[in-house]
Amino acid sequence: LIDDLYEAGKLNDFYNYYKDNLREENGLRYLSVFSAYFKNRDILGQLIYRARINNSEVDNLMVGSKNFDAIKLFYGEAYESLTSNFTVLACLNNLESGRKFDEFMKLTLPQYIKDLEKSKKDGPIKGNPIFSKFSDCLDSSLRNGSHHASVWRQGEVVMYRSGGTGAERSISYSRYLYMCGVLTVSVAALHMVELHLVSKYS
């Protein structure tokens, strides 16, 4: 899509906006997620191969490294970084739909960036098969628990409190690791999208 838009001369305005307004901050988010992931690679990486091949049959798996306190905030951080950087995909989606990069169906770009809840950032893109995979494993309730440290482990189960009612929920520890892995793969993939965008103008 980036190649097609570039060849058609439709990418220039967006790239200028991206370079001036998004690139640096997005890059800091990528660095933060990757640093946190590799700092605890021995824990978070236990199911990364399943995340890469989209094999979600993980609930009955036993995982070896269980220092949950070291990673309990990771899902929330990765969720925040990924959905914040969705601005790039949303603008590309606008261009593919024949609109200006900052022209949404119902929003302005400042509204999308500043006013839209993180849980709704994938709204403009999840109906587009090119981008829909980036929404995999986005769980706003788990994000709330992880982001606000309302998450704890009981044996092989991760307990957390959602936003809103504060209801107590649970998933298997192996699924938590799997979901962290899927988010990490998505963050890496989105970083590669941005690197390809930059390469067109290098």
Protein backbone atom coordinates (compact mmCIF):
# COMPACT_ATOMS: atom_id res chain seq x y z
CA LEU A 1 0.00 0.00 0.00
CA ILE A 2 2.82 2.41 0.86
CA ASP A 3 4.54 1.63 -2.43
CA ASP A 4 1.33 2.21 -4.41
CA LEU A 5 0.56 5.48 -2.64
CA TYR A 6 4.12 6.67 -3.13
CA GLU A 7 4.12 5.85 -6.85
CA ALA A 8 0.81 7.67 -7.25
CA GLY A 9 2.20 10.77 -5.54
CA LYS A 10 -0.37 10.53 -2.73
CA LEU A 11 1.99 9.99 0.17
CA ASN A 12 3.94 13.24 0.32
CA ASP A 13 1.65 15.31 2.56
CA PHE A 14 1.29 12.48 5.04
CA TYR A 15 5.02 11.82 5.14
CA ASN A 16 5.74 15.47 5.87
CA TYR A 17 3.20 15.40 8.70
CA TYR A 18 4.58 12.10 9.99
CA LYS A 19 8.17 13.36 9.92
CA ASP A 20 7.30 16.55 11.82
CA ASN A 21 4.70 15.24 14.26
CA LEU A 22 4.79 11.47 14.73
CA ARG A 23 8.14 9.90 13.93
CA GLU A 24 10.16 10.88 17.00
CA GLU A 25 7.50 10.12 19.60
CA ASN A 26 6.54 6.86 17.91
CA GLY A 27 10.18 5.83 17.89
CA LEU A 28 10.48 6.41 21.63
CA ARG A 29 7.46 4.17 22.21
CA TYR A 30 8.98 1.38 20.12
CA LEU A 31 12.24 1.68 22.03
CA SER A 32 10.40 1.51 25.36
CA VAL A 33 8.45 -1.63 24.43
CA PHE A 34 11.44 -3.44 22.95
CA SER A 35 13.62 -2.52 25.93
CA ALA A 36 11.03 -3.85 28.38
CA TYR A 37 10.55 -7.01 26.31
CA PHE A 38 14.23 -7.90 26.01
CA LYS A 39 14.90 -7.02 29.65
CA ASN A 40 12.49 -9.85 30.54
CA ARG A 41 12.91 -12.00 27.42
CA ASP A 42 13.31 -15.16 29.50
CA ILE A 43 9.76 -14.68 30.84
CA LEU A 44 7.92 -12.91 28.02
CA GLY A 45 9.52 -14.97 25.27
CA GLN A 46 8.28 -18.35 26.45
CA LEU A 47 5.32 -18.38 24.03
CA ILE A 48 6.57 -15.94 21.41
CA TYR A 49 6.77 -18.67 18.78
CA ARG A 50 3.06 -19.36 19.22
CA ALA A 51 2.30 -15.65 18.96
CA ARG A 52 4.27 -15.45 15.71
CA ILE A 53 2.30 -18.30 14.09
CA ASN A 54 -1.03 -17.28 15.67
CA ASN A 55 -1.43 -20.56 17.59
CA SER A 56 -3.69 -19.49 20.43
CA GLU A 57 -4.20 -22.95 21.97
CA VAL A 58 -2.23 -22.04 25.07
CA ASP A 59 -4.52 -22.19 28.10
CA ASN A 60 -3.41 -25.66 29.22
CA LEU A 61 0.31 -24.99 28.85
CA MET A 62 2.60 -24.80 31.85
CA VAL A 63 5.31 -22.15 31.63
CA GLY A 64 8.61 -22.33 33.45
CA SER A 65 9.62 -18.79 34.39
CA LYS A 66 7.01 -17.22 36.66
CA ASN A 67 8.41 -13.90 37.94
CA PHE A 68 5.10 -12.21 37.24
CA ASP A 69 5.91 -9.04 39.17
CA ALA A 70 8.59 -8.22 36.59
CA ILE A 71 6.11 -8.29 33.69
CA LYS A 72 2.70 -7.47 35.11
CA LEU A 73 2.78 -3.96 33.63
CA PHE A 74 4.07 -5.05 30.22
CA TYR A 75 0.71 -5.72 28.57
CA GLY A 76 -0.57 -2.26 29.49
CA GLU A 77 2.58 -0.54 28.22
CA ALA A 78 2.62 -2.44 24.94
CA TYR A 79 -1.12 -1.80 24.46
CA GLU A 80 -0.64 1.94 25.02
CA SER A 81 2.29 2.13 22.62
CA LEU A 82 0.64 0.10 19.86
CA THR A 83 -2.69 1.94 19.94
CA SER A 84 -0.97 5.34 20.16
CA ASN A 85 1.04 4.52 17.04
CA PHE A 86 -2.11 3.39 15.20
CA THR A 87 -2.26 6.98 13.92
CA VAL A 88 0.06 5.89 11.09
CA LEU A 89 -2.29 3.10 10.03
CA ALA A 90 -5.36 5.30 10.38
CA CYS A 91 -3.83 7.93 8.07
CA LEU A 92 -2.79 5.29 5.54
CA ASN A 93 -6.32 3.90 5.69
CA ASN A 94 -7.72 7.36 4.92
CA LEU A 95 -5.46 7.61 1.88
CA GLU A 96 -6.41 4.16 0.65
CA SER A 97 -10.07 5.13 1.00
CA GLY A 98 -9.53 8.06 -1.34
CA ARG A 99 -9.56 10.75 1.32
CA LYS A 100 -6.85 13.10 2.55
CA PHE A 101 -4.59 11.52 5.16
CA ASP A 102 -6.17 13.61 7.93
CA GLU A 103 -9.77 13.19 6.75
CA PHE A 104 -11.71 10.58 8.72
CA MET A 105 -15.31 9.51 8.28
CA LYS A 106 -16.41 11.23 11.50
CA LEU A 107 -13.31 12.67 13.16
CA THR A 108 -10.60 15.20 12.60
CA LEU A 109 -7.01 14.05 13.03
CA PRO A 110 -6.54 16.03 16.29
CA GLN A 111 -9.70 14.39 17.65
CA TYR A 112 -8.41 10.95 16.70
CA ILE A 113 -5.06 11.57 18.38
CA LYS A 114 -6.16 13.44 21.52
CA ASP A 115 -9.81 12.64 22.23
CA LEU A 116 -10.44 9.09 21.09
CA GLU A 117 -10.09 6.44 23.80
CA LYS A 118 -7.24 3.97 23.34
CA SER A 119 -9.77 1.15 23.19
CA LYS A 120 -11.30 2.74 20.08
CA LYS A 121 -8.11 3.66 18.22
CA ASP A 122 -8.48 0.61 15.96
CA GLY A 123 -12.00 1.65 14.93
CA PRO A 124 -11.02 3.21 11.59
CA ILE A 125 -8.75 0.30 10.61
CA LYS A 126 -10.22 -2.94 11.92
CA GLY A 127 -12.63 -3.22 9.01
CA ASN A 128 -9.72 -3.07 6.55
CA PRO A 129 -8.18 -6.52 5.99
CA ILE A 130 -4.77 -4.93 5.40
CA PHE A 131 -4.71 -3.64 8.97
CA SER A 132 -7.18 -5.78 10.92
CA LYS A 133 -4.53 -8.18 12.30
CA PHE A 134 -3.11 -5.31 14.34
CA SER A 135 -6.22 -5.51 16.51
CA ASP A 136 -5.53 -9.10 17.59
CA CYS A 137 -5.24 -9.51 21.36
CA LEU A 138 -6.37 -5.98 22.15
CA ASP A 139 -8.21 -6.40 25.45
CA SER A 140 -9.06 -3.06 27.03
CA SER A 141 -10.06 -4.67 30.35
CA LEU A 142 -6.70 -6.41 30.68
CA ARG A 143 -5.00 -3.19 29.59
CA ASN A 144 -6.75 -1.32 32.41
CA GLY A 145 -5.65 -3.89 34.96
CA SER A 146 -2.07 -4.03 33.71
CA HIS A 147 -1.71 -0.30 33.13
CA HIS A 148 -2.98 0.56 36.62
CA ALA A 149 -1.25 -2.35 38.39
CA SER A 150 -4.58 -3.99 39.25
CA VAL A 151 -3.26 -7.37 38.17
CA TRP A 152 -1.80 -10.27 40.14
CA ARG A 153 -1.00 -13.97 39.78
CA GLN A 154 -2.52 -16.87 41.68
CA GLY A 155 -0.69 -20.02 40.65
CA GLU A 156 -1.30 -20.54 36.93
CA VAL A 157 -4.01 -17.85 36.79
CA VAL A 158 -3.67 -14.11 36.27
CA MET A 159 -6.33 -12.08 38.05
CA TYR A 160 -7.12 -8.48 37.15
CA ARG A 161 -9.70 -5.78 37.68
CA SER A 162 -11.24 -4.10 34.68
CA GLY A 163 -12.14 -0.46 34.39
CA GLY A 164 -15.71 0.75 34.83
CA THR A 165 -17.29 -1.57 37.38
CA GLY A 166 -13.94 -2.88 38.58
CA ALA A 167 -15.14 -6.44 38.09
CA GLU A 168 -12.58 -9.15 38.86
CA ARG A 169 -11.55 -11.24 35.86
CA SER A 170 -9.04 -13.97 35.16
CA ILE A 171 -7.05 -15.62 32.38
CA SER A 172 -4.43 -18.33 32.41
CA TYR A 173 -0.86 -17.18 32.97
CA SER A 174 0.11 -18.81 29.68
CA ARG A 175 -2.56 -16.79 27.86
CA TYR A 176 -1.27 -13.58 29.42
CA LEU A 177 2.19 -14.39 28.05
CA TYR A 178 0.71 -15.26 24.67
CA MET A 179 -1.21 -11.98 24.50
CA CYS A 180 1.92 -10.05 25.46
CA GLY A 181 3.71 -11.88 22.65
CA VAL A 182 1.06 -11.01 20.06
CA LEU A 183 1.23 -7.35 21.08
CA THR A 184 5.03 -7.40 20.82
CA VAL A 185 4.87 -8.91 17.32
CA SER A 186 2.30 -6.27 16.33
CA VAL A 187 4.48 -3.47 17.71
CA ALA A 188 7.45 -4.82 15.73
CA ALA A 189 5.35 -5.13 12.58
CA LEU A 190 4.08 -1.56 12.89
CA HIS A 191 7.65 -0.37 13.42
CA MET A 192 8.58 -2.10 10.15
CA VAL A 193 5.69 -0.29 8.41
CA GLU A 194 7.12 3.02 9.59
CA LEU A 195 10.65 2.06 8.56
CA HIS A 196 9.37 1.22 5.08
CA LEU A 197 7.56 4.56 4.92
CA VAL A 198 10.79 6.37 5.84
CA SER A 199 12.78 4.34 3.32
CA LYS A 200 10.70 5.74 0.44
CA TYR A 201 12.05 9.22 1.23
CA SER A 202 15.62 8.28 2.18
